[in-house]
Amino acid sequence: MKTLQQAADDLMEAMQDEADLARLKDQALLDALTKRAPQQPQEGAAKSPDVATRKGSQ
């Protein structure tokens, strides 16, 4: 039979493992979003010179 201290240690270890897994999932999601994010500003940046050209031609 486990002692209370052993049970507490096992619980803490399981909770730490769960937290580590959640952190890895969060990092994977952040990495995936970061890979998409640069594409959006590039599209907006590509439109900016057009706007400046239109203002200059008017």
N, C-alpha and C. Protein backbone atom coordinates (compact mmCIF):
# COMPACT_ATOMS: atom_id res chain seq x y z
N MET A 1 0.84 -1.19 0.00
CA MET A 1 0.00 0.00 0.00
C MET A 1 0.88 1.25 0.00
N LYS A 2 0.50 2.23 -0.80
CA LYS A 2 1.27 3.46 -0.90
C LYS A 2 1.05 4.33 0.33
N THR A 3 2.10 5.02 0.66
CA THR A 3 1.94 6.01 1.72
C THR A 3 1.34 7.27 1.11
N LEU A 4 0.87 8.12 1.96
CA LEU A 4 0.30 9.38 1.50
C LEU A 4 1.34 10.20 0.74
N GLN A 5 2.58 10.19 1.20
CA GLN A 5 3.65 10.94 0.54
C GLN A 5 3.92 10.39 -0.86
N GLN A 6 3.92 9.06 -1.00
CA GLN A 6 4.14 8.45 -2.31
C GLN A 6 3.00 8.81 -3.27
N ALA A 7 1.78 8.79 -2.76
CA ALA A 7 0.63 9.14 -3.60
C ALA A 7 0.72 10.60 -4.02
N ALA A 8 1.11 11.46 -3.10
CA ALA A 8 1.25 12.89 -3.43
C ALA A 8 2.36 13.09 -4.47
N ASP A 9 3.47 12.38 -4.31
CA ASP A 9 4.57 12.47 -5.28
C ASP A 9 4.12 12.01 -6.67
N ASP A 10 3.39 10.90 -6.71
CA ASP A 10 2.89 10.38 -7.99
C ASP A 10 1.93 11.37 -8.65
N LEU A 11 1.07 11.97 -7.83
CA LEU A 11 0.12 12.95 -8.35
C LEU A 11 0.85 14.18 -8.90
N MET A 12 1.84 14.66 -8.17
CA MET A 12 2.61 15.82 -8.63
C MET A 12 3.34 15.51 -9.94
N GLU A 13 3.89 14.31 -10.04
CA GLU A 13 4.58 13.92 -11.27
C GLU A 13 3.60 13.85 -12.45
N ALA A 14 2.43 13.29 -12.21
CA ALA A 14 1.42 13.20 -13.27
C ALA A 14 0.96 14.60 -13.69
N MET A 15 0.78 15.48 -12.73
CA MET A 15 0.37 16.84 -13.05
C MET A 15 1.45 17.58 -13.83
N GLN A 16 2.72 17.33 -13.48
CA GLN A 16 3.82 17.96 -14.21
C GLN A 16 3.89 17.44 -15.64
N ASP A 17 3.68 16.13 -15.81
CA ASP A 17 3.67 15.55 -17.15
C ASP A 17 2.54 16.16 -17.99
N GLU A 18 1.38 16.33 -17.38
CA GLU A 18 0.25 16.92 -18.09
C GLU A 18 0.54 18.37 -18.46
N ALA A 19 1.16 19.11 -17.56
CA ALA A 19 1.51 20.51 -17.85
C ALA A 19 2.54 20.59 -18.97
N ASP A 20 3.51 19.69 -18.95
CA ASP A 20 4.53 19.67 -20.01
C ASP A 20 3.89 19.38 -21.37
N LEU A 21 2.98 18.44 -21.40
CA LEU A 21 2.29 18.10 -22.65
C LEU A 21 1.46 19.28 -23.16
N ALA A 22 0.77 19.94 -22.26
CA ALA A 22 -0.02 21.12 -22.64
C ALA A 22 0.89 22.21 -23.18
N ARG A 23 2.05 22.39 -22.57
CA ARG A 23 3.00 23.40 -23.03
C ARG A 23 3.50 23.07 -24.43
N LEU A 24 3.77 21.79 -24.69
CA LEU A 24 4.22 21.37 -26.02
C LEU A 24 3.13 21.62 -27.07
N LYS A 25 1.89 21.32 -26.71
CA LYS A 25 0.78 21.56 -27.64
C LYS A 25 0.62 23.05 -27.91
N ASP A 26 0.72 23.85 -26.87
CA ASP A 26 0.62 25.31 -27.05
C ASP A 26 1.73 25.82 -27.96
N GLN A 27 2.95 25.31 -27.76
CA GLN A 27 4.08 25.76 -28.57
C GLN A 27 3.89 25.35 -30.03
N ALA A 28 3.37 24.13 -30.25
CA ALA A 28 3.12 23.68 -31.62
C ALA A 28 2.07 24.56 -32.30
N LEU A 29 1.04 24.93 -31.57
CA LEU A 29 0.01 25.81 -32.12
C LEU A 29 0.59 27.19 -32.42
N LEU A 30 1.38 27.70 -31.50
CA LEU A 30 2.01 29.01 -31.71
C LEU A 30 2.93 28.98 -32.92
N ASP A 31 3.70 27.90 -33.06
CA ASP A 31 4.59 27.77 -34.22
C ASP A 31 3.79 27.75 -35.53
N ALA A 32 2.69 27.02 -35.52
CA ALA A 32 1.85 26.94 -36.73
C ALA A 32 1.26 28.31 -37.07
N LEU A 33 0.81 29.03 -36.07
CA LEU A 33 0.25 30.36 -36.32
C LEU A 33 1.32 31.34 -36.76
N THR A 34 2.50 31.21 -36.23
CA THR A 34 3.61 32.10 -36.59
C THR A 34 4.00 31.90 -38.04
N LYS A 35 3.93 30.68 -38.53
CA LYS A 35 4.27 30.41 -39.93
C LYS A 35 3.26 31.06 -40.86
N ARG A 36 2.01 31.18 -40.44
CA ARG A 36 0.98 31.81 -41.27
C ARG A 36 1.04 33.33 -41.18
N ALA A 37 1.39 33.85 -40.03
CA ALA A 37 1.33 35.29 -39.78
C ALA A 37 2.15 36.12 -40.76
N PRO A 38 3.38 35.75 -41.12
CA PRO A 38 4.14 36.59 -42.05
C PRO A 38 3.49 36.74 -43.42
N GLN A 39 2.68 35.80 -43.84
CA GLN A 39 2.03 35.89 -45.14
C GLN A 39 1.01 37.02 -45.16
N GLN A 40 0.31 37.22 -44.07
CA GLN A 40 -0.72 38.26 -44.03
C GLN A 40 -0.14 39.66 -44.17
N PRO A 41 0.90 40.04 -43.41
CA PRO A 41 1.47 41.39 -43.59
C PRO A 41 2.07 41.58 -44.98
N GLN A 42 2.62 40.53 -45.57
CA GLN A 42 3.20 40.66 -46.90
C GLN A 42 2.12 41.03 -47.91
N GLU A 43 0.95 40.44 -47.78
CA GLU A 43 -0.14 40.79 -48.69
C GLU A 43 -0.54 42.24 -48.49
N GLY A 44 -0.62 42.68 -47.25
CA GLY A 44 -0.94 44.07 -46.96
C GLY A 44 0.15 45.00 -47.43
N ALA A 45 1.40 44.59 -47.28
CA ALA A 45 2.53 45.41 -47.71
C ALA A 45 2.55 45.52 -49.22
N ALA A 46 2.12 44.48 -49.91
CA ALA A 46 2.10 44.52 -51.37
C ALA A 46 1.05 45.52 -51.86
N LYS A 47 0.01 45.73 -51.09
CA LYS A 47 -1.03 46.68 -51.48
C LYS A 47 -0.61 48.12 -51.19
N SER A 48 0.25 48.33 -50.23
CA SER A 48 0.65 49.69 -49.84
C SER A 48 1.26 50.49 -50.98
N PRO A 49 2.20 49.94 -51.77
CA PRO A 49 2.75 50.74 -52.88
C PRO A 49 1.69 51.13 -53.90
N ASP A 50 0.70 50.28 -54.11
CA ASP A 50 -0.37 50.61 -55.04
C ASP A 50 -1.13 51.85 -54.57
N VAL A 51 -1.39 51.90 -53.28
CA VAL A 51 -2.11 53.05 -52.72
C VAL A 51 -1.27 54.30 -52.90
N ALA A 52 0.03 54.21 -52.63
CA ALA A 52 0.92 55.36 -52.79
C ALA A 52 0.98 55.79 -54.25
N THR A 53 0.99 54.84 -55.17
CA THR A 53 1.04 55.15 -56.60
C THR A 53 -0.24 55.86 -57.02
N ARG A 54 -1.37 55.39 -56.52
CA ARG A 54 -2.64 56.03 -56.87
C ARG A 54 -2.68 57.46 -56.36
N LYS A 55 -2.20 57.68 -55.14
CA LYS A 55 -2.20 59.03 -54.59
C LYS A 55 -1.29 59.94 -55.41
N GLY A 56 -0.15 59.41 -55.86
CA GLY A 56 0.79 60.20 -56.64
C GLY A 56 0.26 60.53 -58.02
N SER A 57 -0.56 59.67 -58.59
CA SER A 57 -1.05 59.89 -59.94
C SER A 57 -2.27 60.80 -59.97
N GLN A 58 -2.86 61.05 -58.82
CA GLN A 58 -4.08 61.88 -58.79
C GLN A 58 -3.77 63.32 -58.75
